[in-house]
Amino acid sequence: MQWEEYFDDYLNDTLHQPTLSEFENALAHNIELKNKLNTHKLAREAIARSARNELKATMKSWQVQNKIKTYKMRALASVAATIVIFMMVYFGLKEPSASKVFEAYYSTYPNVVTHRGNAGLTHKALELYSMQQYKEFVEYLENQSQTSDTLHFYKALAHMELKNFYKAIDEFSKVEFIESSPLVVVKDYYWALSYLAINNTIEAKKLLNKIEVNTASSYAKKAKAILKQID
């Protein structure tokens, strides 16, 4: 994970959840990352301070010499504008992060599994999922010795709802739906979104390209749109 690319968003208070929590957790456990952040912060402050001092010194010099002419004022304005534009580009105007793309495209996937009767592990578990009791759903499954591809799939989705994206990725990797199952493309789509949530665009692109090439569903259109934003 290249946390350095989020330094400016973090210092500008524009880093949003869940990336914010993951970034702060990384800072708490990685002294080298924390030192890099502090160094970056000092560099930002130095650049801003240098720009202000340069402008003040130039203005003072011109006032003392009483040679402030129109063309010089225009030159100063040009320098100031250049500095402002540089700082805006360097510190603020960046491409949307993958996690922001995730936030734009993520929506809760519903329980679409039907049952005959009310008995069975799958039925009891998915009742909790349908009621949006995701934590209880995960805990219920972890206390069971049996499982299935369907339950791994919904457990991954529950972890996404709980912002546990690394666990979601792990669960998705355990799902082995038959190729004819309509849930194959759904699994790949949400698996890709999990990777985007942690800013792993490399793995996300692999899954999104697979969806775009091999399916004709609405997910193919979404995959194509996402790929344009993260390329």
C-alpha atoms as a PDB file:
ATOM      1  CA  MET A   1       0.000   0.000   0.000  1.00  0.00           C
ATOM      2  CA  GLN A   2       1.466   3.386  -1.059  1.00  0.00           C
ATOM      3  CA  TRP A   3       0.216   5.445   1.875  1.00  0.00           C
ATOM      4  CA  GLU A   4       2.407   8.401   0.833  1.00  0.00           C
ATOM      5  CA  GLU A   5      -0.114   9.362  -1.884  1.00  0.00           C
ATOM      6  CA  TYR A   6      -2.653  10.165   0.862  1.00  0.00           C
ATOM      7  CA  PHE A   7      -0.412  12.532   2.846  1.00  0.00           C
ATOM      8  CA  ASP A   8      -1.884  15.674   1.290  1.00  0.00           C
ATOM      9  CA  ASP A   9      -5.494  14.530   1.582  1.00  0.00           C
ATOM     10  CA  TYR A  10      -4.875  13.707   5.241  1.00  0.00           C
ATOM     11  CA  LEU A  11      -3.219  17.048   6.008  1.00  0.00           C
ATOM     12  CA  ASN A  12      -5.961  18.889   4.087  1.00  0.00           C
ATOM     13  CA  ASP A  13      -8.697  17.049   6.044  1.00  0.00           C
ATOM     14  CA  THR A  14     -10.101  15.690   2.777  1.00  0.00           C
ATOM     15  CA  LEU A  15      -9.375  11.998   3.382  1.00  0.00           C
ATOM     16  CA  HIS A  16     -12.668  10.184   3.904  1.00  0.00           C
ATOM     17  CA  GLN A  17     -13.714   6.938   5.511  1.00  0.00           C
ATOM     18  CA  PRO A  18     -12.876   4.085   5.333  1.00  0.00           C
ATOM     19  CA  THR A  19      -9.453   5.108   4.019  1.00  0.00           C
ATOM     20  CA  LEU A  20      -9.053   7.637   6.860  1.00  0.00           C
ATOM     21  CA  SER A  21      -9.358   4.966   9.556  1.00  0.00           C
ATOM     22  CA  GLU A  22      -7.034   2.594   7.724  1.00  0.00           C
ATOM     23  CA  PHE A  23      -4.482   5.377   7.215  1.00  0.00           C
ATOM     24  CA  GLU A  24      -4.558   6.420  10.879  1.00  0.00           C
ATOM     25  CA  ASN A  25      -4.250   2.780  11.907  1.00  0.00           C
ATOM     26  CA  ALA A  26      -1.186   2.454   9.667  1.00  0.00           C
ATOM     27  CA  LEU A  27       0.306   5.588  11.262  1.00  0.00           C
ATOM     28  CA  ALA A  28      -0.247   4.171  14.733  1.00  0.00           C
ATOM     29  CA  HIS A  29       1.672   1.000  13.907  1.00  0.00           C
ATOM     30  CA  ASN A  30       4.317   2.263  11.481  1.00  0.00           C
ATOM     31  CA  ILE A  31       6.827   4.736  12.929  1.00  0.00           C
ATOM     32  CA  GLU A  32       8.575   5.077   9.567  1.00  0.00           C
ATOM     33  CA  LEU A  33       5.326   6.114   7.885  1.00  0.00           C
ATOM     34  CA  LYS A  34       4.648   8.591  10.699  1.00  0.00           C
ATOM     35  CA  ASN A  35       8.120  10.106  10.273  1.00  0.00           C
ATOM     36  CA  LYS A  36       7.558  10.413   6.518  1.00  0.00           C
ATOM     37  CA  LEU A  37       4.263  12.211   7.162  1.00  0.00           C
ATOM     38  CA  ASN A  38       5.930  14.653   9.567  1.00  0.00           C
ATOM     39  CA  THR A  39       8.694  15.318   7.044  1.00  0.00           C
ATOM     40  CA  HIS A  40       6.112  15.919   4.319  1.00  0.00           C
ATOM     41  CA  LYS A  41       4.199  18.291   6.589  1.00  0.00           C
ATOM     42  CA  LEU A  42       7.377  20.280   7.310  1.00  0.00           C
ATOM     43  CA  ALA A  43       8.142  20.447   3.578  1.00  0.00           C
ATOM     44  CA  ARG A  44       4.653  21.837   2.859  1.00  0.00           C
ATOM     45  CA  GLU A  45       5.051  24.447   5.566  1.00  0.00           C
ATOM     46  CA  ALA A  46       8.492  25.400   4.275  1.00  0.00           C
ATOM     47  CA  ILE A  47       7.219  25.862   0.722  1.00  0.00           C
ATOM     48  CA  ALA A  48       4.297  27.994   1.881  1.00  0.00           C
ATOM     49  CA  ARG A  49       6.500  30.023   4.221  1.00  0.00           C
ATOM     50  CA  SER A  50       9.109  30.563   1.511  1.00  0.00           C
ATOM     51  CA  ALA A  51       6.471  31.769  -0.931  1.00  0.00           C
ATOM     52  CA  ARG A  52       5.044  34.256   1.597  1.00  0.00           C
ATOM     53  CA  ASN A  53       8.487  35.572   2.545  1.00  0.00           C
ATOM     54  CA  GLU A  54       9.475  35.993  -1.093  1.00  0.00           C
ATOM     55  CA  LEU A  55       6.373  38.044  -1.814  1.00  0.00           C
ATOM     56  CA  LYS A  56       6.845  40.204   1.311  1.00  0.00           C
ATOM     57  CA  ALA A  57      10.514  40.808   0.525  1.00  0.00           C
ATOM     58  CA  THR A  58       9.752  41.769  -3.061  1.00  0.00           C
ATOM     59  CA  MET A  59       7.027  44.206  -2.013  1.00  0.00           C
ATOM     60  CA  LYS A  60       9.217  45.790   0.664  1.00  0.00           C
ATOM     61  CA  SER A  61      12.115  46.224  -1.728  1.00  0.00           C
ATOM     62  CA  TRP A  62       9.961  47.923  -4.293  1.00  0.00           C
ATOM     63  CA  GLN A  63       8.418  50.225  -1.695  1.00  0.00           C
ATOM     64  CA  VAL A  64      11.819  51.265  -0.283  1.00  0.00           C
ATOM     65  CA  GLN A  65      13.206  52.031  -3.697  1.00  0.00           C
ATOM     66  CA  ASN A  66      10.008  53.878  -4.659  1.00  0.00           C
ATOM     67  CA  LYS A  67      10.114  52.257  -8.066  1.00  0.00           C
ATOM     68  CA  ILE A  68       6.838  50.428  -8.055  1.00  0.00           C
ATOM     69  CA  LYS A  69       5.723  50.606 -11.637  1.00  0.00           C
ATOM     70  CA  THR A  70       2.736  49.080 -13.346  1.00  0.00           C
ATOM     71  CA  TYR A  71       4.692  46.406 -15.185  1.00  0.00           C
ATOM     72  CA  LYS A  72       6.355  45.324 -11.936  1.00  0.00           C
ATOM     73  CA  MET A  73       3.018  44.983 -10.191  1.00  0.00           C
ATOM     74  CA  ARG A  74       1.777  42.867 -13.045  1.00  0.00           C
ATOM     75  CA  ALA A  75       4.898  40.721 -12.799  1.00  0.00           C
ATOM     76  CA  LEU A  76       4.302  40.276  -9.066  1.00  0.00           C
ATOM     77  CA  ALA A  77       0.707  39.267  -9.688  1.00  0.00           C
ATOM     78  CA  SER A  78       1.898  36.733 -12.229  1.00  0.00           C
ATOM     79  CA  VAL A  79       4.412  35.264  -9.775  1.00  0.00           C
ATOM     80  CA  ALA A  80       1.775  35.080  -7.037  1.00  0.00           C
ATOM     81  CA  ALA A  81      -0.698  33.428  -9.378  1.00  0.00           C
ATOM     82  CA  THR A  82       1.929  30.900 -10.431  1.00  0.00           C
ATOM     83  CA  ILE A  83       2.708  30.062  -6.816  1.00  0.00           C
ATOM     84  CA  VAL A  84      -0.972  29.692  -5.942  1.00  0.00           C
ATOM     85  CA  ILE A  85      -1.622  27.462  -8.942  1.00  0.00           C
ATOM     86  CA  PHE A  86       1.420  25.326  -8.097  1.00  0.00           C
ATOM     87  CA  MET A  87       0.304  24.882  -4.501  1.00  0.00           C
ATOM     88  CA  MET A  88      -3.273  24.052  -5.538  1.00  0.00           C
ATOM     89  CA  VAL A  89      -2.085  21.442  -8.007  1.00  0.00           C
ATOM     90  CA  TYR A  90       0.539  19.997  -5.670  1.00  0.00           C
ATOM     91  CA  PHE A  91      -1.521  19.967  -2.487  1.00  0.00           C
ATOM     92  CA  GLY A  92      -5.121  19.721  -3.529  1.00  0.00           C
ATOM     93  CA  LEU A  93      -6.166  19.063  -7.105  1.00  0.00           C
ATOM     94  CA  LYS A  94      -5.417  15.375  -7.590  1.00  0.00           C
ATOM     95  CA  GLU A  95      -7.171  12.560  -9.403  1.00  0.00           C
ATOM     96  CA  PRO A  96      -9.898  10.889  -7.351  1.00  0.00           C
ATOM     97  CA  SER A  97      -8.443   8.060  -5.276  1.00  0.00           C
ATOM     98  CA  ALA A  98      -9.630   4.522  -5.861  1.00  0.00           C
ATOM     99  CA  SER A  99     -11.385   4.567  -2.492  1.00  0.00           C
ATOM    100  CA  LYS A 100     -13.479   7.539  -3.639  1.00  0.00           C
ATOM    101  CA  VAL A 101     -14.444   5.637  -6.772  1.00  0.00           C
ATOM    102  CA  PHE A 102     -15.492   2.795  -4.487  1.00  0.00           C
ATOM    103  CA  GLU A 103     -17.739   5.150  -2.514  1.00  0.00           C
ATOM    104  CA  ALA A 104     -19.373   6.338  -5.728  1.00  0.00           C
ATOM    105  CA  TYR A 105     -20.208   2.859  -7.012  1.00  0.00           C
ATOM    106  CA  TYR A 106     -20.850   0.805  -3.896  1.00  0.00           C
ATOM    107  CA  SER A 107     -24.366  -0.148  -2.859  1.00  0.00           C
ATOM    108  CA  THR A 108     -25.540  -2.906  -0.526  1.00  0.00           C
ATOM    109  CA  TYR A 109     -26.236  -6.173  -2.296  1.00  0.00           C
ATOM    110  CA  PRO A 110     -29.521  -7.743  -1.124  1.00  0.00           C
ATOM    111  CA  ASN A 111     -30.214 -11.320  -0.146  1.00  0.00           C
ATOM    112  CA  VAL A 112     -31.508 -12.984  -3.322  1.00  0.00           C
ATOM    113  CA  VAL A 113     -31.379 -16.566  -2.082  1.00  0.00           C
ATOM    114  CA  THR A 114     -34.745 -18.294  -1.734  1.00  0.00           C
ATOM    115  CA  HIS A 115     -35.435 -21.180   0.630  1.00  0.00           C
ATOM    116  CA  ARG A 116     -37.882 -24.003   0.984  1.00  0.00           C
ATOM    117  CA  GLY A 117     -39.023 -24.064   4.574  1.00  0.00           C
ATOM    118  CA  ASN A 118     -37.455 -22.284   7.507  1.00  0.00           C
ATOM    119  CA  ALA A 119     -34.828 -24.783   8.603  1.00  0.00           C
ATOM    120  CA  GLY A 120     -31.152 -24.924   7.815  1.00  0.00           C
ATOM    121  CA  LEU A 121     -27.939 -22.999   8.421  1.00  0.00           C
ATOM    122  CA  THR A 122     -28.185 -20.895   5.256  1.00  0.00           C
ATOM    123  CA  HIS A 123     -31.726 -19.734   5.995  1.00  0.00           C
ATOM    124  CA  LYS A 124     -30.974 -18.786   9.595  1.00  0.00           C
ATOM    125  CA  ALA A 125     -27.792 -16.967   8.630  1.00  0.00           C
ATOM    126  CA  LEU A 126     -29.285 -15.026   5.722  1.00  0.00           C
ATOM    127  CA  GLU A 127     -32.193 -13.908   7.859  1.00  0.00           C
ATOM    128  CA  LEU A 128     -29.623 -11.911   9.853  1.00  0.00           C
ATOM    129  CA  TYR A 129     -28.123 -10.548   6.631  1.00  0.00           C
ATOM    130  CA  SER A 130     -31.546  -9.513   5.329  1.00  0.00           C
ATOM    131  CA  MET A 131     -32.190  -7.647   8.591  1.00  0.00           C
ATOM    132  CA  GLN A 132     -28.853  -5.818   8.093  1.00  0.00           C
ATOM    133  CA  GLN A 133     -27.450  -7.405  11.236  1.00  0.00           C
ATOM    134  CA  TYR A 134     -24.090  -7.892   9.568  1.00  0.00           C
ATOM    135  CA  LYS A 135     -21.968  -8.256  12.687  1.00  0.00           C
ATOM    136  CA  GLU A 136     -24.325 -10.883  14.126  1.00  0.00           C
ATOM    137  CA  PHE A 137     -24.389 -12.634  10.742  1.00  0.00           C
ATOM    138  CA  VAL A 138     -20.589 -12.921  10.656  1.00  0.00           C
ATOM    139  CA  GLU A 139     -20.403 -14.056  14.275  1.00  0.00           C
ATOM    140  CA  TYR A 140     -23.103 -16.679  13.655  1.00  0.00           C
ATOM    141  CA  LEU A 141     -21.182 -18.161  10.723  1.00  0.00           C
ATOM    142  CA  GLU A 142     -17.901 -18.204  12.613  1.00  0.00           C
ATOM    143  CA  ASN A 143     -19.514 -20.420  15.236  1.00  0.00           C
ATOM    144  CA  GLN A 144     -20.605 -22.967  12.617  1.00  0.00           C
ATOM    145  CA  SER A 145     -18.528 -25.891  11.390  1.00  0.00           C
ATOM    146  CA  GLN A 146     -20.270 -26.070   8.021  1.00  0.00           C
ATOM    147  CA  THR A 147     -20.330 -23.469   5.283  1.00  0.00           C
ATOM    148  CA  SER A 148     -20.897 -23.081   1.546  1.00  0.00           C
ATOM    149  CA  ASP A 149     -19.951 -20.889  -1.402  1.00  0.00           C
ATOM    150  CA  THR A 150     -23.165 -18.920  -0.910  1.00  0.00           C
ATOM    151  CA  LEU A 151     -22.355 -18.225   2.738  1.00  0.00           C
ATOM    152  CA  HIS A 152     -18.764 -17.271   1.920  1.00  0.00           C
ATOM    153  CA  PHE A 153     -20.186 -14.848  -0.652  1.00  0.00           C
ATOM    154  CA  TYR A 154     -22.602 -13.195   1.756  1.00  0.00           C
ATOM    155  CA  LYS A 155     -20.014 -13.207   4.528  1.00  0.00           C
ATOM    156  CA  ALA A 156     -17.715 -11.230   2.219  1.00  0.00           C
ATOM    157  CA  LEU A 157     -20.546  -8.776   1.529  1.00  0.00           C
ATOM    158  CA  ALA A 158     -21.208  -8.457   5.271  1.00  0.00           C
ATOM    159  CA  HIS A 159     -17.542  -7.644   5.861  1.00  0.00           C
ATOM    160  CA  MET A 160     -17.836  -4.907   3.221  1.00  0.00           C
ATOM    161  CA  GLU A 161     -20.773  -3.414   5.109  1.00  0.00           C
ATOM    162  CA  LEU A 162     -18.632  -3.508   8.271  1.00  0.00           C
ATOM    163  CA  LYS A 163     -15.723  -1.835   6.392  1.00  0.00           C
ATOM    164  CA  ASN A 164     -13.559  -4.919   6.907  1.00  0.00           C
ATOM    165  CA  PHE A 165     -12.318  -4.927   3.331  1.00  0.00           C
ATOM    166  CA  TYR A 166      -9.303  -7.170   3.794  1.00  0.00           C
ATOM    167  CA  LYS A 167     -11.544  -9.823   5.348  1.00  0.00           C
ATOM    168  CA  ALA A 168     -14.039  -9.352   2.519  1.00  0.00           C
ATOM    169  CA  ILE A 169     -11.298  -9.999  -0.037  1.00  0.00           C
ATOM    170  CA  ASP A 170     -10.274 -13.144   1.801  1.00  0.00           C
ATOM    171  CA  GLU A 171     -13.861 -14.443   1.815  1.00  0.00           C
ATOM    172  CA  PHE A 172     -14.399 -13.666  -1.871  1.00  0.00           C
ATOM    173  CA  SER A 173     -11.305 -15.732  -2.683  1.00  0.00           C
ATOM    174  CA  LYS A 174     -13.005 -18.779  -1.134  1.00  0.00           C
ATOM    175  CA  VAL A 175     -16.097 -18.564  -3.345  1.00  0.00           C
ATOM    176  CA  GLU A 176     -16.177 -21.032  -6.241  1.00  0.00           C
ATOM    177  CA  PHE A 177     -19.531 -20.603  -7.968  1.00  0.00           C
ATOM    178  CA  ILE A 178     -20.075 -22.645 -11.120  1.00  0.00           C
ATOM    179  CA  GLU A 179     -19.502 -20.521 -14.222  1.00  0.00           C
ATOM    180  CA  SER A 180     -23.183 -20.629 -15.179  1.00  0.00           C
ATOM    181  CA  SER A 181     -24.245 -19.067 -11.883  1.00  0.00           C
ATOM    182  CA  PRO A 182     -25.541 -15.479 -12.216  1.00  0.00           C
ATOM    183  CA  LEU A 183     -23.709 -14.685  -8.974  1.00  0.00           C
ATOM    184  CA  VAL A 184     -20.277 -15.131 -10.575  1.00  0.00           C
ATOM    185  CA  VAL A 185     -20.263 -11.628 -12.073  1.00  0.00           C
ATOM    186  CA  VAL A 186     -21.744 -10.173  -8.877  1.00  0.00           C
ATOM    187  CA  LYS A 187     -18.991 -11.772  -6.817  1.00  0.00           C
ATOM    188  CA  ASP A 188     -16.276 -10.419  -9.134  1.00  0.00           C
ATOM    189  CA  TYR A 189     -17.808  -6.932  -9.112  1.00  0.00           C
ATOM    190  CA  TYR A 190     -17.953  -6.637  -5.341  1.00  0.00           C
ATOM    191  CA  TRP A 191     -14.563  -8.289  -5.035  1.00  0.00           C
ATOM    192  CA  ALA A 192     -13.167  -5.584  -7.307  1.00  0.00           C
ATOM    193  CA  LEU A 193     -14.873  -2.881  -5.225  1.00  0.00           C
ATOM    194  CA  SER A 194     -13.220  -4.319  -2.100  1.00  0.00           C
ATOM    195  CA  TYR A 195      -9.830  -3.877  -3.751  1.00  0.00           C
ATOM    196  CA  LEU A 196     -10.746  -0.299  -4.717  1.00  0.00           C
ATOM    197  CA  ALA A 197     -11.694   0.414  -1.107  1.00  0.00           C
ATOM    198  CA  ILE A 198      -8.093  -0.313  -0.075  1.00  0.00           C
ATOM    199  CA  ASN A 199      -6.725   1.455  -3.178  1.00  0.00           C
ATOM    200  CA  ASN A 200      -5.396  -1.717  -4.804  1.00  0.00           C
ATOM    201  CA  THR A 201      -6.173  -0.799  -8.395  1.00  0.00           C
ATOM    202  CA  ILE A 202      -4.003  -3.545  -9.871  1.00  0.00           C
ATOM    203  CA  GLU A 203      -6.163  -6.401  -8.564  1.00  0.00           C
ATOM    204  CA  ALA A 204      -9.348  -4.398  -9.083  1.00  0.00           C
ATOM    205  CA  LYS A 205      -8.539  -3.892 -12.770  1.00  0.00           C
ATOM    206  CA  LYS A 206      -8.030  -7.633 -13.301  1.00  0.00           C
ATOM    207  CA  LEU A 207     -11.536  -8.367 -12.065  1.00  0.00           C
ATOM    208  CA  LEU A 208     -13.147  -5.389 -13.804  1.00  0.00           C
ATOM    209  CA  ASN A 209     -11.552  -6.284 -17.130  1.00  0.00           C
ATOM    210  CA  LYS A 210     -12.872  -9.829 -16.736  1.00  0.00           C
ATOM    211  CA  ILE A 211     -16.378  -8.484 -16.134  1.00  0.00           C
ATOM    212  CA  GLU A 212     -16.238  -6.066 -19.055  1.00  0.00           C
ATOM    213  CA  VAL A 213     -14.979  -8.686 -21.530  1.00  0.00           C
ATOM    214  CA  ASN A 214     -16.933 -11.758 -20.462  1.00  0.00           C
ATOM    215  CA  THR A 215     -20.379 -10.455 -19.556  1.00  0.00           C
ATOM    216  CA  ALA A 216     -23.205  -8.488 -21.114  1.00  0.00           C
ATOM    217  CA  SER A 217     -24.863  -7.513 -17.857  1.00  0.00           C
ATOM    218  CA  SER A 218     -25.297  -4.119 -16.225  1.00  0.00           C
ATOM    219  CA  TYR A 219     -22.155  -4.891 -14.260  1.00  0.00           C
ATOM    220  CA  ALA A 220     -20.161  -4.779 -17.497  1.00  0.00           C
ATOM    221  CA  LYS A 221     -21.227  -1.154 -18.022  1.00  0.00           C
ATOM    222  CA  LYS A 222     -20.299  -0.290 -14.437  1.00  0.00           C
ATOM    223  CA  ALA A 223     -16.956  -2.025 -14.802  1.00  0.00           C
ATOM    224  CA  LYS A 224     -16.196  -0.077 -17.974  1.00  0.00           C
ATOM    225  CA  ALA A 225     -17.070   3.220 -16.299  1.00  0.00           C
ATOM    226  CA  ILE A 226     -14.894   2.454 -13.271  1.00  0.00           C
ATOM    227  CA  LEU A 227     -11.937   1.431 -15.427  1.00  0.00           C
ATOM    228  CA  LYS A 228     -12.044   4.809 -17.190  1.00  0.00           C
ATOM    229  CA  GLN A 229     -11.759   6.563 -13.835  1.00  0.00           C
ATOM    230  CA  ILE A 230      -8.900   4.522 -12.395  1.00  0.00           C
ATOM    231  CA  ASP A 231      -6.752   4.094 -15.534  1.00  0.00           C
END
